[in-house]
Amino acid sequence: MENENEDDYLGIGWKFPPSFDYHNHAVEMVRGVEDVRESLMILMRTRVGERTMEVEYGCDLTPIAFQQLDLNLETLMINNIKQTIMEHEPRVDVLAVSLVPDHEEGAIDIHLTYKVKELDLEEKIQYSYHPMYNK
C-alpha cells in the first residue's frame, strides 16, 4: 500500500532513454524515486526552447559553456540549476549543487544533492556537462 501512495505522489514515467519490454509489448516504465531521478536528468539535459510545447522547460548552460570557470560563473551556473529545478521539479528540494571541472574531458561534473519532499529522502546524482555535446 505504501508503494501505491509513493507512485501517486512521485509518479510513473517512461524509462530514459526509452526502451521496450518485448515480452509485454510495452514501453519500460520507472516509478517513484527512480522517476524523480530520471526527470531531473532529463531536465538537466534539455536546453531551454528545445521542447516546442514547453519552451521554458530545460536547464540551458550553453551560453556560458566556453567561459573560464571562476567563482562568478560557478555561482551563476549553480543558481541557474537551482532555479530551474525549483521551477520544473516540485517533488524535490535542492540541498546542494557543486561543480567540478574535468579538464581532460573538457566537461563540468555537476553534483546535485536533493530531498524528495514526500518521503523526506535525500538523494544524489552526478551529471557531466560537456559543452561540445550539449548544444
Protein backbone atom coordinates (compact mmCIF):
# COMPACT_ATOMS: atom_id res chain seq x y z
CA MET A 1 0.00 0.00 0.00
CA GLU A 2 2.85 2.39 0.82
CA ASN A 3 4.32 1.87 -2.67
CA GLU A 4 0.98 2.85 -4.25
CA ASN A 5 0.97 6.13 -2.28
CA GLU A 6 4.55 6.80 -3.40
CA ASP A 7 3.54 6.20 -7.03
CA ASP A 8 0.53 8.51 -6.63
CA TYR A 9 2.73 11.38 -5.48
CA LEU A 10 6.01 10.71 -7.26
CA GLY A 11 4.53 9.33 -10.44
CA ILE A 12 5.30 6.83 -13.12
CA GLY A 13 7.11 7.72 -16.34
CA TRP A 14 8.97 6.36 -19.31
CA LYS A 15 12.43 4.99 -18.66
CA PHE A 16 15.02 7.21 -20.27
CA PRO A 17 16.37 6.69 -22.77
CA PRO A 18 13.19 4.97 -23.94
CA SER A 19 13.39 1.22 -24.08
CA PHE A 20 10.89 -1.51 -24.64
CA ASP A 21 9.81 -4.64 -22.79
CA TYR A 22 9.46 -7.08 -25.66
CA HIS A 23 7.75 -9.73 -23.50
CA ASN A 24 4.91 -7.40 -22.52
CA HIS A 25 4.98 -5.35 -25.75
CA ALA A 26 5.19 -2.13 -23.77
CA VAL A 27 7.45 0.81 -23.05
CA GLU A 28 9.59 0.25 -19.94
CA MET A 29 8.45 2.47 -17.09
CA VAL A 30 10.07 3.81 -13.93
CA ARG A 31 8.25 4.78 -10.79
CA GLY A 32 8.71 6.60 -7.54
CA VAL A 33 12.18 7.83 -6.63
CA GLU A 34 13.64 6.49 -9.89
CA ASP A 35 11.09 8.55 -11.86
CA VAL A 36 12.19 11.67 -9.97
CA ARG A 37 15.86 10.88 -10.66
CA GLU A 38 15.25 10.40 -14.37
CA SER A 39 13.12 13.55 -14.55
CA LEU A 40 16.00 15.55 -13.07
CA MET A 41 18.45 14.08 -15.57
CA ILE A 42 16.12 14.90 -18.47
CA LEU A 43 15.70 18.44 -17.14
CA MET A 44 19.48 18.90 -16.95
CA ARG A 45 19.96 17.55 -20.50
CA THR A 46 17.26 19.72 -22.09
CA ARG A 47 18.05 23.16 -23.47
CA VAL A 48 15.51 25.94 -22.90
CA GLY A 49 13.43 26.23 -26.08
CA GLU A 50 14.17 22.68 -27.20
CA ARG A 51 10.62 21.47 -26.48
CA THR A 52 8.12 23.11 -28.77
CA MET A 53 5.18 22.61 -26.42
CA GLU A 54 7.11 23.61 -23.28
CA VAL A 55 9.60 26.24 -24.45
CA GLU A 56 10.52 27.31 -20.90
CA TYR A 57 11.47 23.75 -19.87
CA GLY A 58 15.15 22.93 -19.52
CA CYS A 59 18.42 24.00 -17.94
CA ASP A 60 20.32 25.97 -20.52
CA LEU A 61 24.01 26.19 -19.66
CA THR A 62 25.19 26.67 -23.26
CA PRO A 63 25.54 30.49 -23.18
CA ILE A 64 28.22 30.11 -20.52
CA ALA A 65 29.79 26.94 -21.88
CA PHE A 66 33.13 28.21 -23.14
CA GLN A 67 33.91 30.72 -20.44
CA GLN A 68 36.59 30.19 -17.79
CA LEU A 69 35.04 28.57 -14.71
CA ASP A 70 35.69 31.13 -11.99
CA LEU A 71 33.71 31.93 -8.85
CA ASN A 72 31.30 34.26 -10.70
CA LEU A 73 30.50 31.70 -13.41
CA GLU A 74 30.22 28.90 -10.86
CA THR A 75 27.75 30.95 -8.81
CA LEU A 76 25.75 31.79 -11.95
CA MET A 77 25.59 28.13 -13.03
CA ILE A 78 24.64 26.88 -9.55
CA ASN A 79 21.88 29.49 -9.26
CA ASN A 80 20.63 28.62 -12.75
CA ILE A 81 20.48 24.92 -11.86
CA LYS A 82 18.70 25.56 -8.54
CA GLN A 83 16.18 27.94 -10.13
CA THR A 84 15.46 25.52 -12.98
CA ILE A 85 14.82 22.63 -10.60
CA MET A 86 12.66 24.78 -8.34
CA GLU A 87 10.51 25.84 -11.33
CA HIS A 88 10.20 22.46 -13.04
CA GLU A 89 10.52 19.73 -10.42
CA PRO A 90 8.17 20.39 -7.49
CA ARG A 91 8.75 16.96 -5.95
CA VAL A 92 12.22 17.89 -4.68
CA ASP A 93 14.11 20.47 -2.64
CA VAL A 94 17.67 21.16 -3.75
CA LEU A 95 20.07 20.78 -0.83
CA ALA A 96 23.39 21.35 -2.60
CA VAL A 97 24.92 21.84 -6.03
CA SER A 98 28.65 21.70 -6.68
CA LEU A 99 30.65 21.92 -9.87
CA VAL A 100 33.88 20.04 -10.51
CA PRO A 101 35.79 20.85 -13.72
CA ASP A 102 37.09 17.87 -15.68
CA HIS A 103 39.88 19.49 -17.69
CA GLU A 104 40.83 16.29 -19.54
CA GLU A 105 37.30 15.77 -20.88
CA GLY A 106 36.52 19.47 -21.22
CA ALA A 107 33.45 18.93 -19.05
CA ILE A 108 31.96 20.09 -15.80
CA ASP A 109 30.67 17.45 -13.39
CA ILE A 110 27.55 18.71 -11.68
CA HIS A 111 26.90 17.10 -8.30
CA LEU A 112 23.34 17.56 -7.10
CA THR A 113 22.02 16.64 -3.66
CA TYR A 114 18.27 16.86 -3.26
CA LYS A 115 15.49 15.77 -0.95
CA VAL A 116 12.38 14.01 -2.22
CA LYS A 117 9.76 16.00 -0.32
CA GLU A 118 7.08 13.36 0.18
CA LEU A 119 9.50 10.76 1.52
CA ASP A 120 11.97 13.08 3.26
CA LEU A 121 14.60 11.06 1.41
CA GLU A 122 17.99 12.51 0.44
CA GLU A 123 19.35 11.51 -2.97
CA LYS A 124 22.38 12.43 -5.07
CA ILE A 125 23.04 12.49 -8.78
CA GLN A 126 26.00 13.46 -10.91
CA TYR A 127 25.66 14.88 -14.40
CA SER A 128 28.60 15.57 -16.70
CA TYR A 129 28.00 18.69 -18.75
CA HIS A 130 30.02 18.62 -21.98
CA PRO A 131 29.73 21.95 -23.84
CA MET A 132 30.67 20.30 -27.14
CA TYR A 133 27.86 17.74 -26.91
CA ASN A 134 25.18 19.70 -25.02
CA LYS A 135 24.43 22.25 -27.73
